[in-house]
Amino acid sequence: MAKTAISDVIVPSVFEKYVIERTATLSAFGASGIVESDPFFDALAAGGGNTVDMPFWQDVNPTRQILADNAPLTVNKITASKDIARIQMDANAWSVNDLAKVLSGDDPMGALVELVGDYWIRVDQGLIVSSLKGLFASATMAGNKLSIASESIAGQSSATRLNGATFVDATVKLGDRGDRLTAVAMHSGTEAALRKLDLIDFIPDSEGKAQIKTFQGRRVIVDDGLPVRNGTTDGQVYTSYLFGPGAFARGAAPLAGEPLMGGHGTEGVEWARAALDSDTNFINRRRFILHPRGVKFNSAAVAGTSPTNAELENAANWTRVFENKNVRIVAVDHNN
């Protein structure tokens, strides 16, 4: 009798591509243009090693020289530098027991396959938040940070809160490049405070879905994983982030598509059967880059093959290499 197997439902190469595309397009950071999928980074992620070097030429100083008699020109030079991205290697595994399908009357493995893309979206958003915490803990990013928060409730005022005026101050951190900032990520507490001031606008989505929130013309992303801490005296300090398009570059390497020797599926998508336990195990692996452009990852304090979220939050691992105004991220420490 013919029997439908998991291999009939999941085609590894097709499923892997589906998960990569879903993760890139459906996340709040991806939909807003903050994270930009880049074929160049796809190729870098497919290479060997744990890090990739991205050399670039530093800008030329625009100082004029005036021609004059008996005054030779001063010879200048162009200087090379490099950005460095860390390659991430993730995996997770799930198991479904046969009885779960029988007793629930549903298909838990089928549901799991649908949920894996959303799982990786949440993982990637956590990676972005951890990277933001780490790179803004680095002294090299001080020029991209606005700190206006009071450490006590008594000291709070409109000047310490995120509002129309202080938001303008944040955009000015990039000087004449401030108009490049097109999105802002904030805690739900900050978004609620701005809504009470009628500073959040709602525009219809082009596809007729949920309305898009904007603040001073910038798309709003609400994420409660963003930093919030207690003030040194009392009250709370929040951190919001402004972004330009492609502030983070993303690349994903398609893993080996050949069937695994002695296994089922491929390196990227594998499943296994524990017959005596009546369990079907599903494994999904990834090799990818999710990197803030212009801030190199030093790998100064990484113990394993890929940095953990805690290691991403370590300031020692980050150094700005682009000019401040060319790093498309600004952080604001503020009260609500």
Protein backbone atom coordinates (compact mmCIF):
# COMPACT_ATOMS: atom_id res chain seq x y z
CA MET A 1 0.00 0.00 0.00
CA ALA A 2 1.33 3.44 -0.93
CA LYS A 3 2.26 5.59 2.04
CA THR A 4 2.92 9.34 2.19
CA ALA A 5 6.27 9.95 3.87
CA ILE A 6 7.79 13.17 5.21
CA SER A 7 10.11 13.12 2.18
CA ASP A 8 7.02 13.56 -0.01
CA VAL A 9 5.99 16.66 1.95
CA ILE A 10 9.36 18.36 2.44
CA VAL A 11 11.72 18.75 -0.53
CA PRO A 12 14.91 19.88 1.27
CA SER A 13 16.25 22.33 -1.33
CA VAL A 14 12.83 23.89 -1.90
CA PHE A 15 12.07 24.13 1.82
CA GLU A 16 15.47 25.66 2.62
CA LYS A 17 14.95 28.37 -0.01
CA TYR A 18 11.43 29.00 1.30
CA VAL A 19 12.68 29.49 4.87
CA ILE A 20 15.51 31.83 3.74
CA GLU A 21 13.14 34.00 1.70
CA ARG A 22 10.44 34.03 4.38
CA THR A 23 12.92 35.05 7.07
CA ALA A 24 14.29 37.87 4.89
CA THR A 25 10.97 39.37 3.82
CA LEU A 26 8.53 38.94 6.69
CA SER A 27 10.52 40.26 9.63
CA ALA A 28 9.70 43.78 10.80
CA PHE A 29 13.30 44.83 10.20
CA GLY A 30 13.29 43.32 6.72
CA ALA A 31 9.92 44.78 5.72
CA SER A 32 11.09 48.25 6.74
CA GLY A 33 14.23 48.04 4.62
CA ILE A 34 16.60 48.12 7.61
CA VAL A 35 17.90 44.64 6.77
CA GLU A 36 18.81 44.31 3.10
CA SER A 37 19.40 40.95 1.47
CA ASP A 38 22.46 41.25 -0.74
CA PRO A 39 23.75 38.68 -3.27
CA PHE A 40 27.27 39.87 -2.47
CA PHE A 41 26.76 38.81 1.15
CA ASP A 42 25.16 35.54 -0.01
CA ALA A 43 28.45 34.76 -1.76
CA LEU A 44 30.48 35.77 1.29
CA ALA A 45 28.37 33.53 3.54
CA ALA A 46 28.98 30.62 1.18
CA GLY A 47 32.75 30.97 1.53
CA GLY A 48 34.93 29.24 4.07
CA GLY A 49 36.04 30.39 7.50
CA ASN A 50 34.26 32.20 10.31
CA THR A 51 34.80 35.81 9.18
CA VAL A 52 34.86 37.71 5.90
CA ASP A 53 36.95 40.80 5.13
CA MET A 54 35.41 43.63 3.10
CA PRO A 55 38.11 46.16 2.11
CA PHE A 56 37.12 49.70 1.17
CA TRP A 57 38.80 53.01 0.37
CA GLN A 58 38.40 55.78 2.92
CA ASP A 59 37.02 59.06 1.65
CA VAL A 60 39.39 61.74 0.31
CA ASN A 61 39.71 64.97 2.30
CA PRO A 62 38.00 67.81 0.35
CA THR A 63 40.56 70.46 1.39
CA ARG A 64 41.55 72.69 -1.54
CA GLN A 65 45.06 73.53 -2.65
CA ILE A 66 45.69 76.82 -4.46
CA LEU A 67 48.17 76.92 -7.31
CA ALA A 68 50.91 79.48 -6.79
CA ASP A 69 54.39 80.27 -8.06
CA ASN A 70 57.19 78.41 -6.32
CA ALA A 71 54.68 76.53 -4.11
CA PRO A 72 54.63 72.82 -4.88
CA LEU A 73 51.46 70.88 -4.23
CA THR A 74 51.22 68.77 -1.09
CA VAL A 75 50.95 65.13 -2.05
CA ASN A 76 48.21 63.21 -0.25
CA LYS A 77 47.26 59.56 -0.32
CA ILE A 78 44.14 57.43 -0.33
CA THR A 79 43.91 55.03 2.60
CA ALA A 80 42.42 51.54 2.62
CA SER A 81 40.54 50.01 5.51
CA LYS A 82 38.25 47.03 5.94
CA ASP A 83 34.96 46.03 7.43
CA ILE A 84 34.71 42.53 8.92
CA ALA A 85 31.56 40.44 9.23
CA ARG A 86 31.14 37.29 11.27
CA ILE A 87 29.53 34.25 9.65
CA GLN A 88 26.78 32.76 11.80
CA MET A 89 26.06 29.03 11.87
CA ASP A 90 22.77 28.10 13.51
CA ALA A 91 20.66 25.00 13.77
CA ASN A 92 17.67 23.71 15.67
CA ALA A 93 15.83 20.43 15.90
CA TRP A 94 12.25 19.50 16.70
CA SER A 95 10.60 16.17 17.34
CA VAL A 96 7.04 14.97 16.88
CA ASN A 97 5.67 11.77 18.35
CA ASP A 98 3.18 9.71 16.36
CA LEU A 99 0.67 9.86 19.23
CA ALA A 100 0.62 13.66 19.03
CA LYS A 101 -0.91 13.41 15.58
CA VAL A 102 -3.35 10.69 16.60
CA LEU A 103 -4.55 12.37 19.79
CA SER A 104 -4.71 15.92 18.43
CA GLY A 105 -6.44 14.98 15.20
CA ASP A 106 -4.09 17.42 13.46
CA ASP A 107 -0.68 17.29 11.78
CA PRO A 108 1.93 18.69 14.22
CA MET A 109 4.82 18.11 11.81
CA GLY A 110 2.99 20.00 9.08
CA ALA A 111 2.35 22.85 11.52
CA LEU A 112 6.00 22.79 12.57
CA VAL A 113 7.16 23.15 8.99
CA GLU A 114 4.96 26.25 8.62
CA LEU A 115 6.26 27.74 11.88
CA VAL A 116 10.01 27.29 11.27
CA GLY A 117 10.23 30.43 9.11
CA ASP A 118 8.61 32.52 11.84
CA TYR A 119 10.96 30.98 14.39
CA TRP A 120 14.02 32.12 12.43
CA ILE A 121 12.50 35.60 12.03
CA ARG A 122 12.37 35.94 15.82
CA VAL A 123 15.91 34.58 16.13
CA ASP A 124 17.21 37.11 13.61
CA GLN A 125 15.46 40.01 15.35
CA GLY A 126 17.13 38.91 18.58
CA LEU A 127 20.50 38.88 16.79
CA ILE A 128 19.92 42.42 15.51
CA VAL A 129 19.00 43.71 18.98
CA SER A 130 22.03 42.01 20.55
CA SER A 131 24.30 43.47 17.86
CA LEU A 132 22.87 46.94 18.52
CA LYS A 133 23.54 46.60 22.24
CA GLY A 134 27.12 45.55 21.59
CA LEU A 135 28.12 48.05 18.95
CA PHE A 136 26.67 51.02 20.86
CA ALA A 137 28.52 49.88 23.97
CA SER A 138 31.70 50.45 21.93
CA ALA A 139 33.32 53.85 22.43
CA THR A 140 33.86 54.07 18.67
CA MET A 141 30.09 54.55 18.17
CA ALA A 142 29.78 57.50 20.58
CA GLY A 143 29.29 59.91 17.68
CA ASN A 144 26.13 58.05 16.63
CA LYS A 145 24.52 58.14 20.07
CA LEU A 146 22.30 60.75 21.72
CA SER A 147 21.99 60.39 25.51
CA ILE A 148 19.26 62.61 26.94
CA ALA A 149 17.76 60.36 29.64
CA SER A 150 17.49 61.37 33.26
CA GLU A 151 18.49 58.72 35.77
CA SER A 152 15.69 59.79 38.12
CA ILE A 153 11.98 60.53 37.78
CA ALA A 154 12.47 63.98 39.34
CA GLY A 155 14.86 64.95 36.55
CA GLN A 156 12.58 63.91 33.70
CA SER A 157 11.17 66.54 31.34
CA SER A 158 10.35 66.98 27.69
CA ALA A 159 14.08 67.38 27.09
CA THR A 160 14.77 63.86 28.42
CA ARG A 161 11.94 62.14 26.55
CA LEU A 162 11.65 61.05 22.93
CA ASN A 163 9.41 63.55 21.15
CA GLY A 164 9.40 65.69 18.03
CA ALA A 165 12.20 68.01 19.16
CA THR A 166 14.55 65.39 20.60
CA PHE A 167 13.97 63.14 17.58
CA VAL A 168 15.30 65.93 15.38
CA ASP A 169 18.35 66.12 17.64
CA ALA A 170 18.87 62.38 17.02
CA THR A 171 18.73 62.73 13.24
CA VAL A 172 21.33 65.51 13.41
CA LYS A 173 23.84 62.99 14.77
CA LEU A 174 24.37 62.07 11.10
CA GLY A 175 24.69 65.72 10.09
CA ASP A 176 23.74 66.30 6.47
CA ARG A 177 23.09 62.56 6.08
CA GLY A 178 20.22 62.61 8.59
CA ASP A 179 17.68 62.42 5.80
CA ARG A 180 18.91 58.89 5.16
CA LEU A 181 17.22 57.72 8.36
CA THR A 182 13.94 56.15 7.27
CA ALA A 183 12.87 53.90 10.17
CA VAL A 184 12.87 53.90 13.96
CA ALA A 185 12.69 50.92 16.32
CA MET A 186 11.28 51.47 19.80
CA HIS A 187 9.90 49.66 22.85
CA SER A 188 6.10 49.38 23.08
CA GLY A 189 6.22 51.68 26.12
CA THR A 190 7.84 54.39 23.99
CA GLU A 191 5.37 53.89 21.15
CA ALA A 192 2.46 54.18 23.61
CA ALA A 193 3.88 57.41 25.08
CA LEU A 194 4.20 58.90 21.58
CA ARG A 195 0.67 57.83 20.68
CA LYS A 196 -0.65 59.66 23.74
CA LEU A 197 1.00 62.78 22.33
CA ASP A 198 -0.63 62.12 18.92
CA LEU A 199 2.83 61.84 17.37
CA ILE A 200 2.31 58.43 15.75
CA ASP A 201 0.68 58.52 12.32
CA PHE A 202 -1.03 55.61 10.59
CA ILE A 203 -0.94 55.10 6.83
CA PRO A 204 -2.77 52.35 4.93
CA ASP A 205 -0.70 49.40 3.79
CA SER A 206 -0.58 49.13 -0.02
CA GLU A 207 -1.85 45.56 0.19
CA GLY A 208 -4.79 46.48 2.42
CA LYS A 209 -3.30 44.82 5.50
CA ALA A 210 -2.62 46.37 8.91
CA GLN A 211 -1.84 50.06 8.82
CA ILE A 212 1.81 51.14 8.94
CA LYS A 213 2.91 53.27 11.89
CA THR A 214 5.16 56.26 11.25
CA PHE A 215 6.86 58.88 13.43
CA GLN A 216 8.02 62.07 11.74
CA GLY A 217 7.74 60.26 8.41
CA ARG A 218 9.85 57.31 9.56
CA ARG A 219 8.44 53.80 9.71
CA VAL A 220 8.00 52.56 13.28
CA ILE A 221 9.05 49.09 14.44
CA VAL A 222 7.88 48.06 17.91
CA ASP A 223 10.03 45.46 19.68
CA ASP A 224 10.00 44.81 23.42
CA GLY A 225 13.42 43.18 23.13
CA LEU A 226 14.98 46.64 22.82
CA PRO A 227 16.98 47.86 25.83
CA VAL A 228 15.16 49.20 28.89
CA ARG A 229 16.79 49.52 32.31
CA ASN A 230 16.16 51.07 35.68
CA GLY A 231 17.59 54.54 36.28
CA THR A 232 20.40 54.81 38.81
CA THR A 233 17.97 56.54 41.22
CA ASP A 234 14.53 55.53 39.96
CA GLY A 235 12.47 55.57 36.79
CA GLN A 236 13.44 53.83 33.57
CA VAL A 237 15.76 54.50 30.65
CA TYR A 238 14.80 53.27 27.16
CA THR A 239 16.89 53.02 24.02
CA SER A 240 15.40 53.61 20.58
CA TYR A 241 17.24 53.26 17.27
CA LEU A 242 17.02 55.17 14.00
CA PHE A 243 18.03 53.39 10.80
CA GLY A 244 18.78 54.09 7.19
CA PRO A 245 17.98 51.61 4.40
CA GLY A 246 20.30 48.63 4.41
CA ALA A 247 21.81 49.48 7.78
CA PHE A 248 22.21 45.73 8.22
CA ALA A 249 23.30 43.53 5.33
CA ARG A 250 22.08 39.97 5.16
CA GLY A 251 23.45 37.05 3.19
CA ALA A 252 22.46 33.39 3.32
CA ALA A 253 24.42 30.47 1.94
CA PRO A 254 22.48 27.58 0.44
CA LEU A 255 23.87 24.55 2.22
CA ALA A 256 24.97 21.39 0.43
CA GLY A 257 22.05 19.95 -1.52
CA GLU A 258 23.38 16.41 -1.82
CA PRO A 259 21.60 13.73 0.22
CA LEU A 260 23.34 13.08 3.51
CA MET A 261 25.22 9.81 3.66
CA GLY A 262 23.27 7.43 5.84
CA GLY A 263 20.61 10.06 6.54
CA HIS A 264 17.49 11.61 5.09
CA GLY A 265 17.54 15.06 3.53
CA THR A 266 20.42 17.46 3.14
CA GLU A 267 22.77 19.52 5.30
CA GLY A 268 20.22 22.35 5.47
CA VAL A 269 17.08 20.27 6.02
CA GLU A 270 17.31 16.82 7.54
CA TRP A 271 14.88 14.49 9.23
CA ALA A 272 15.39 11.28 11.15
CA ARG A 273 13.21 8.54 12.56
CA ALA A 274 13.54 7.16 16.09
CA ALA A 275 11.39 4.12 15.41
CA LEU A 276 11.37 2.63 18.92
CA ASP A 277 10.17 5.95 20.34
CA SER A 278 7.73 6.60 17.47
CA ASP A 279 9.39 10.01 16.99
CA THR A 280 10.13 11.95 13.80
CA ASN A 281 12.95 14.46 14.22
CA PHE A 282 13.28 17.54 12.01
CA ILE A 283 16.58 19.49 11.79
CA ASN A 284 17.11 22.87 10.09
CA ARG A 285 20.61 24.36 9.73
CA ARG A 286 21.72 27.79 8.49
CA ARG A 287 24.93 29.58 7.47
CA PHE A 288 24.42 33.31 7.10
CA ILE A 289 25.64 36.87 7.69
CA LEU A 290 23.65 39.57 9.49
CA HIS A 291 26.02 42.51 9.76
CA PRO A 292 25.73 46.25 10.55
CA ARG A 293 27.48 47.96 7.65
CA GLY A 294 30.53 49.94 8.68
CA VAL A 295 31.11 48.43 12.13
CA LYS A 296 33.54 45.55 12.01
CA PHE A 297 33.24 42.49 14.21
CA ASN A 298 36.62 41.93 15.89
CA SER A 299 35.92 38.44 17.25
CA ALA A 300 37.91 39.58 20.28
CA ALA A 301 35.77 37.61 22.71
CA VAL A 302 34.13 34.67 20.95
CA ALA A 303 34.54 31.20 22.34
CA GLY A 304 32.80 29.03 19.75
CA THR A 305 32.37 28.75 16.00
CA SER A 306 29.68 31.46 16.04
CA PRO A 307 29.11 34.32 18.50
CA THR A 308 26.32 33.88 21.01
CA ASN A 309 23.86 36.70 21.65
CA ALA A 310 25.79 37.55 24.80
CA GLU A 311 29.02 37.78 22.79
CA LEU A 312 27.30 40.02 20.23
CA GLU A 313 26.44 42.33 23.14
CA ASN A 314 30.12 42.58 24.16
CA ALA A 315 31.56 45.98 23.19
CA ALA A 316 35.02 44.44 22.78
CA ASN A 317 33.81 42.69 19.63
CA TRP A 318 32.88 45.88 17.73
CA THR A 319 34.83 48.75 16.14
CA ARG A 320 33.41 51.41 13.80
CA VAL A 321 35.38 51.62 10.54
CA PHE A 322 33.14 53.87 8.40
CA GLU A 323 32.80 57.59 9.08
CA ASN A 324 30.08 58.21 11.68
CA LYS A 325 27.63 59.69 9.18
CA ASN A 326 28.09 56.68 6.88
CA VAL A 327 27.01 54.21 9.56
CA ARG A 328 23.24 54.23 9.05
CA ILE A 329 22.26 53.79 12.71
CA VAL A 330 21.66 56.23 15.57
CA ALA A 331 20.82 55.27 19.17
CA VAL A 332 18.87 57.45 21.63
CA ASP A 333 18.81 56.86 25.39
CA HIS A 334 15.67 58.56 26.74
CA ASN A 335 12.79 58.46 29.18
CA ASN A 336 9.12 58.01 28.25
